[in-house]
Amino acid sequence: MTGPLRVAVVAALPQTAPPLVAAVRALGHEVPVVIGLRRPHDWPGHLLGERDLPPGVDLALPARADAVTGLLRAYAPDVAVSYGYPRRLPAAAVAAPRLGTVNCHPSDLPSYRGPNPVGWAVRNGEREIGVTWHRMDADLDTGRVLARTTIPLDDEIWSFTGVNTRVLDAASALLPGVLARLVAGDPGEEQPAREGSWAGFFDEDYAHVDWSAPAAHIHTQVRAWNIAGHHPRVRGPLALLDGTHWQLRRTTLHRPPPHTARRIPCGTGTLWLLSADPAD
């Protein structure tokens, strides 16, 4: 690599953008701007703010995805690095940086393309997930691969933040090689020819808990929803208890200490409810 690069970061959350900025700057590169997202009306959590970023890094909050093109052209980065951005970038925005745009996707592409890869991995009982850096192209999560690895997806992970920390640690370790390949003009490898899978947001058919199902199934359902994080249209997992609807937050299949959980007999086995929020 001939010298420091100007790297634009495209990320909307405080859990994603600051670690990416830190990883890029630790390699000696400049981050002139982070392109975030203006808060949607239905977004319940904290979106990235200027106080989340170090001095000298601008924050741009375009109202539309097509405005990202003009921002990238104005800041003239050598590279744009994206992770977890909830809008598809236009082809013109992807092509605006001199060396192109790369994205980190938390799956072993082409498996689990889409906005909810880790949620579906949990739902399907996966014990590990991939971390893939790929060039962005006109379609979603289909670009040529620049680096990949895998990380464990163990039962102790119960939140998007918990998964995100491990993904970004693995992604940051791969980043020097990714940037070096971009500088060298390396196009990367085509994604494997095996059939890909789509990991969209969970639908209503997975949002409601059926207490007649096996306890292990319900436990996985609760974990998958909580790792998936915010859903733009559907809330889950919802369960009826004593005539009241609850959004379940944490369960266990193992007997916890006394007076710390509610025991619930299921269709097969027993589930202990550790945490829930009123949903009515």
Protein backbone atom coordinates (compact mmCIF):
# COMPACT_ATOMS: atom_id res chain seq x y z
CA MET A 1 0.00 0.00 0.00
CA THR A 2 1.51 3.30 -1.10
CA GLY A 3 0.15 5.58 1.60
CA PRO A 4 -2.85 6.51 3.77
CA LEU A 5 -6.26 6.16 2.16
CA ARG A 6 -9.35 8.33 2.51
CA VAL A 7 -12.01 5.89 3.69
CA ALA A 8 -15.70 6.76 3.97
CA VAL A 9 -17.65 4.61 6.43
CA VAL A 10 -21.28 3.78 5.62
CA ALA A 11 -23.02 2.56 8.80
CA ALA A 12 -26.14 3.67 10.66
CA LEU A 13 -25.75 2.41 14.23
CA PRO A 14 -23.61 3.44 17.20
CA GLN A 15 -22.62 -0.22 17.60
CA THR A 16 -21.18 -0.39 14.07
CA ALA A 17 -19.81 2.95 12.88
CA PRO A 18 -17.43 3.88 15.74
CA PRO A 19 -15.64 0.47 15.77
CA LEU A 20 -15.24 0.65 11.98
CA VAL A 21 -13.85 4.17 12.21
CA ALA A 22 -11.43 3.06 14.93
CA ALA A 23 -10.29 0.03 12.91
CA VAL A 24 -9.64 2.11 9.79
CA ARG A 25 -7.79 4.84 11.70
CA ALA A 26 -5.71 2.26 13.58
CA LEU A 27 -4.33 1.23 10.19
CA GLY A 28 -3.17 4.79 9.55
CA HIS A 29 -5.96 5.80 7.17
CA GLU A 30 -8.17 8.90 7.25
CA VAL A 31 -11.94 8.77 7.78
CA PRO A 32 -13.35 12.07 6.52
CA VAL A 33 -17.04 11.12 6.87
CA VAL A 34 -19.46 8.56 8.21
CA ILE A 35 -22.67 8.28 6.21
CA GLY A 36 -25.45 7.32 8.57
CA LEU A 37 -29.23 7.27 8.35
CA ARG A 38 -31.90 9.79 9.28
CA ARG A 39 -34.14 8.24 11.93
CA PRO A 40 -37.30 6.60 10.51
CA HIS A 41 -40.49 7.43 12.40
CA ASP A 42 -40.89 3.82 13.56
CA TRP A 43 -37.31 3.29 14.74
CA PRO A 44 -37.33 2.62 18.52
CA GLY A 45 -33.61 2.64 19.31
CA HIS A 46 -30.65 4.96 19.21
CA LEU A 47 -29.26 5.85 15.81
CA LEU A 48 -25.77 7.16 15.23
CA GLY A 49 -25.15 10.73 16.40
CA GLU A 50 -22.26 13.15 16.10
CA ARG A 51 -21.22 12.49 19.70
CA ASP A 52 -20.56 8.84 18.81
CA LEU A 53 -17.72 9.83 16.47
CA PRO A 54 -14.23 11.15 17.21
CA PRO A 55 -13.26 14.77 16.43
CA GLY A 56 -12.50 15.43 12.78
CA VAL A 57 -14.98 12.88 11.40
CA ASP A 58 -18.07 14.39 9.77
CA LEU A 59 -21.49 12.74 10.07
CA ALA A 60 -23.83 12.93 7.09
CA LEU A 61 -27.48 11.84 7.44
CA PRO A 62 -29.04 11.66 3.97
CA ALA A 63 -32.82 11.40 3.82
CA ARG A 64 -32.70 9.25 0.68
CA ALA A 65 -30.37 6.51 -0.50
CA ASP A 66 -29.76 8.28 -3.80
CA ALA A 67 -28.27 11.23 -1.90
CA VAL A 68 -25.37 8.99 -0.82
CA THR A 69 -23.94 9.27 -4.34
CA GLY A 70 -23.54 13.04 -4.10
CA LEU A 71 -22.03 12.81 -0.63
CA LEU A 72 -19.41 10.29 -1.69
CA ARG A 73 -18.51 12.36 -4.73
CA ALA A 74 -18.18 15.46 -2.57
CA TYR A 75 -15.88 13.80 -0.03
CA ALA A 76 -13.95 11.97 -2.78
CA PRO A 77 -12.83 8.94 -0.73
CA ASP A 78 -10.52 6.32 -2.12
CA VAL A 79 -12.69 3.59 -0.60
CA ALA A 80 -16.09 3.29 1.07
CA VAL A 81 -16.55 0.64 3.76
CA SER A 82 -20.10 -0.44 4.61
CA TYR A 83 -21.58 -2.55 7.40
CA GLY A 84 -25.21 -3.02 8.38
CA TYR A 85 -26.56 -0.12 6.33
CA PRO A 86 -30.35 -0.63 6.12
CA ARG A 87 -30.79 0.75 2.61
CA ARG A 88 -29.52 -0.56 -0.70
CA LEU A 89 -26.96 1.83 -2.15
CA PRO A 90 -27.47 2.95 -5.75
CA ALA A 91 -24.97 1.67 -8.31
CA ALA A 92 -23.66 5.22 -8.78
CA ALA A 93 -22.88 5.47 -5.05
CA VAL A 94 -21.11 2.11 -5.03
CA ALA A 95 -18.93 3.25 -7.94
CA ALA A 96 -18.20 6.74 -6.60
CA PRO A 97 -15.06 5.95 -4.49
CA ARG A 98 -11.88 5.67 -6.56
CA LEU A 99 -11.19 2.05 -5.55
CA GLY A 100 -14.80 0.98 -5.04
CA THR A 101 -17.06 0.11 -2.11
CA VAL A 102 -16.81 -2.95 0.12
CA ASN A 103 -19.30 -4.40 2.55
CA CYS A 104 -18.95 -6.66 5.58
CA HIS A 105 -21.77 -9.22 5.75
CA PRO A 106 -22.21 -11.54 8.76
CA SER A 107 -22.64 -14.78 6.85
CA ASP A 108 -20.70 -17.20 4.72
CA LEU A 109 -21.93 -15.81 1.41
CA PRO A 110 -23.87 -16.79 -0.64
CA SER A 111 -25.69 -18.24 2.39
CA TYR A 112 -27.99 -15.87 4.28
CA ARG A 113 -27.97 -12.88 1.97
CA GLY A 114 -30.21 -10.08 3.19
CA PRO A 115 -30.94 -7.97 6.28
CA ASN A 116 -31.33 -10.71 8.92
CA PRO A 117 -28.52 -13.25 8.46
CA VAL A 118 -27.74 -13.93 12.11
CA GLY A 119 -31.40 -14.21 13.12
CA TRP A 120 -31.91 -16.91 10.50
CA ALA A 121 -28.68 -18.66 11.45
CA VAL A 122 -29.96 -18.94 15.04
CA ARG A 123 -33.41 -20.03 13.84
CA ASN A 124 -31.80 -22.78 11.76
CA GLY A 125 -29.61 -24.02 14.62
CA GLU A 126 -26.25 -22.93 13.20
CA ARG A 127 -23.31 -23.18 15.59
CA GLU A 128 -21.13 -20.71 13.70
CA ILE A 129 -21.57 -17.85 11.25
CA GLY A 130 -19.44 -16.46 8.49
CA VAL A 131 -17.93 -12.99 8.20
CA THR A 132 -17.46 -11.97 4.56
CA TRP A 133 -15.91 -8.84 3.05
CA HIS A 134 -17.11 -8.42 -0.52
CA ARG A 135 -17.15 -5.81 -3.23
CA MET A 136 -20.55 -4.19 -3.55
CA ASP A 137 -22.33 -4.38 -6.88
CA ALA A 138 -25.80 -3.67 -8.23
CA ASP A 139 -27.46 -6.53 -6.29
CA LEU A 140 -27.60 -7.21 -2.56
CA ASP A 141 -24.72 -9.24 -1.05
CA THR A 142 -23.70 -10.73 -4.41
CA GLY A 143 -20.32 -9.06 -5.05
CA ARG A 144 -16.94 -10.69 -5.38
CA VAL A 145 -15.30 -11.83 -2.14
CA LEU A 146 -12.14 -10.19 -0.77
CA ALA A 147 -11.88 -12.00 2.58
CA ARG A 148 -13.87 -14.37 4.75
CA THR A 149 -13.72 -16.21 8.06
CA THR A 150 -16.07 -17.87 10.55
CA ILE A 151 -16.85 -17.22 14.21
CA PRO A 152 -18.73 -19.26 16.84
CA LEU A 153 -22.43 -18.64 17.38
CA ASP A 154 -22.76 -20.07 20.86
CA ASP A 155 -25.76 -20.08 23.17
CA GLU A 156 -24.39 -17.26 25.31
CA ILE A 157 -25.07 -14.67 22.59
CA TRP A 158 -28.52 -13.12 23.07
CA SER A 159 -28.42 -9.72 21.39
CA PHE A 160 -27.51 -7.95 18.18
CA THR A 161 -24.85 -6.04 20.11
CA GLY A 162 -23.28 -9.28 21.37
CA VAL A 163 -23.05 -10.71 17.86
CA ASN A 164 -21.95 -7.40 16.37
CA THR A 165 -18.95 -7.14 18.69
CA ARG A 166 -17.63 -10.52 17.59
CA VAL A 167 -18.34 -9.85 13.90
CA LEU A 168 -16.50 -6.52 13.95
CA ASP A 169 -13.52 -7.99 15.80
CA ALA A 170 -13.20 -10.63 13.06
CA ALA A 171 -13.88 -8.09 10.29
CA SER A 172 -11.28 -5.65 11.63
CA ALA A 173 -8.63 -8.39 11.61
CA LEU A 174 -9.35 -8.98 7.91
CA LEU A 175 -9.48 -5.29 6.95
CA PRO A 176 -5.75 -4.76 6.19
CA GLY A 177 -5.83 -7.52 3.59
CA VAL A 178 -9.10 -6.21 2.13
CA LEU A 179 -7.70 -2.70 1.64
CA ALA A 180 -4.45 -4.06 0.22
CA ARG A 181 -6.38 -6.04 -2.39
CA LEU A 182 -8.35 -2.94 -3.35
CA VAL A 183 -5.19 -0.89 -3.79
CA ALA A 184 -3.69 -3.66 -5.92
CA GLY A 185 -6.77 -3.66 -8.16
CA ASP A 186 -7.60 -7.24 -7.19
CA PRO A 187 -11.20 -7.97 -8.25
CA GLY A 188 -11.71 -10.70 -5.65
CA GLU A 189 -13.22 -14.13 -6.13
CA GLU A 190 -16.66 -14.96 -7.39
CA GLN A 191 -18.94 -16.22 -4.65
CA PRO A 192 -19.19 -20.03 -4.56
CA ALA A 193 -21.52 -21.56 -7.12
CA ARG A 194 -23.67 -23.28 -4.47
CA GLU A 195 -27.24 -22.08 -4.15
CA GLY A 196 -27.55 -19.02 -1.94
CA SER A 197 -30.26 -18.37 0.63
CA TRP A 198 -32.25 -15.26 1.54
CA ALA A 199 -32.38 -14.02 5.14
CA GLY A 200 -35.23 -11.55 5.21
CA PHE A 201 -37.00 -10.13 8.23
CA PHE A 202 -39.08 -12.62 10.17
CA ASP A 203 -42.78 -12.67 9.26
CA GLU A 204 -45.95 -12.93 11.33
CA ASP A 205 -45.80 -16.72 11.08
CA TYR A 206 -42.78 -16.70 13.43
CA ALA A 207 -43.87 -13.81 15.65
CA HIS A 208 -46.24 -15.62 18.02
CA VAL A 209 -45.26 -18.24 20.59
CA ASP A 210 -47.25 -21.46 20.71
CA TRP A 211 -46.84 -22.95 24.17
CA SER A 212 -47.81 -26.38 22.79
CA ALA A 213 -44.56 -26.42 20.76
CA PRO A 214 -41.39 -28.07 22.14
CA ALA A 215 -39.55 -25.97 24.72
CA ALA A 216 -36.35 -26.04 22.64
CA HIS A 217 -38.22 -24.63 19.63
CA ILE A 218 -39.64 -21.74 21.68
CA HIS A 219 -36.26 -21.04 23.27
CA THR A 220 -34.68 -20.78 19.80
CA GLN A 221 -37.53 -18.54 18.62
CA VAL A 222 -36.96 -16.12 21.52
CA ARG A 223 -33.22 -16.01 20.94
CA ALA A 224 -33.57 -15.56 17.18
CA TRP A 225 -35.94 -12.61 17.54
CA ASN A 226 -33.77 -10.86 20.13
CA ILE A 227 -30.60 -11.27 18.07
CA ALA A 228 -32.41 -10.06 14.93
CA GLY A 229 -33.07 -6.72 16.61
CA HIS A 230 -35.46 -4.08 15.27
CA HIS A 231 -38.06 -5.19 12.73
CA PRO A 232 -39.64 -2.42 10.60
CA ARG A 233 -43.11 -4.02 10.52
CA VAL A 234 -43.53 -7.02 12.86
CA ARG A 235 -42.86 -7.34 16.59
CA GLY A 236 -41.94 -10.65 18.18
CA PRO A 237 -41.82 -13.03 19.84
CA LEU A 238 -45.21 -12.40 21.47
CA ALA A 239 -46.75 -14.80 23.97
CA LEU A 240 -49.99 -14.93 25.92
CA LEU A 241 -49.54 -15.40 29.68
CA ASP A 242 -52.41 -15.08 32.18
CA GLY A 243 -54.53 -13.28 29.59
CA THR A 244 -51.84 -10.69 28.81
CA HIS A 245 -49.54 -10.45 25.80
CA TRP A 246 -45.80 -10.24 26.49
CA GLN A 247 -42.75 -9.75 24.29
CA LEU A 248 -40.30 -12.39 25.47
CA ARG A 249 -36.71 -11.26 26.00
CA ARG A 250 -34.82 -14.12 27.63
CA THR A 251 -35.52 -17.79 28.33
CA THR A 252 -33.53 -20.82 29.42
CA LEU A 253 -33.90 -24.56 29.12
CA HIS A 254 -31.98 -25.13 32.36
CA ARG A 255 -33.42 -24.67 35.83
CA PRO A 256 -32.24 -21.27 37.11
CA PRO A 257 -31.75 -20.28 40.77
CA PRO A 258 -34.97 -20.15 42.80
CA HIS A 259 -37.27 -17.13 42.38
CA THR A 260 -35.43 -15.84 39.27
CA ALA A 261 -37.72 -17.16 36.53
CA ARG A 262 -41.18 -18.43 35.74
CA ARG A 263 -41.50 -22.13 34.92
CA ILE A 264 -43.67 -22.83 31.86
CA PRO A 265 -44.57 -26.37 30.76
CA CYS A 266 -44.51 -26.64 26.97
CA GLY A 267 -45.65 -29.23 24.47
CA THR A 268 -42.42 -31.10 25.06
CA GLY A 269 -40.16 -30.15 27.95
CA THR A 270 -40.07 -27.13 30.26
CA LEU A 271 -39.03 -23.54 29.60
CA TRP A 272 -38.06 -20.94 32.18
CA LEU A 273 -38.93 -17.32 31.37
CA LEU A 274 -36.26 -14.94 32.64
CA SER A 275 -37.34 -11.61 31.14
CA ALA A 276 -40.27 -10.15 29.20
CA ASP A 277 -41.87 -6.77 28.41
CA PRO A 278 -45.62 -6.00 28.33
CA ALA A 279 -46.81 -5.96 24.72
CA ASP A 280 -50.38 -4.68 25.10
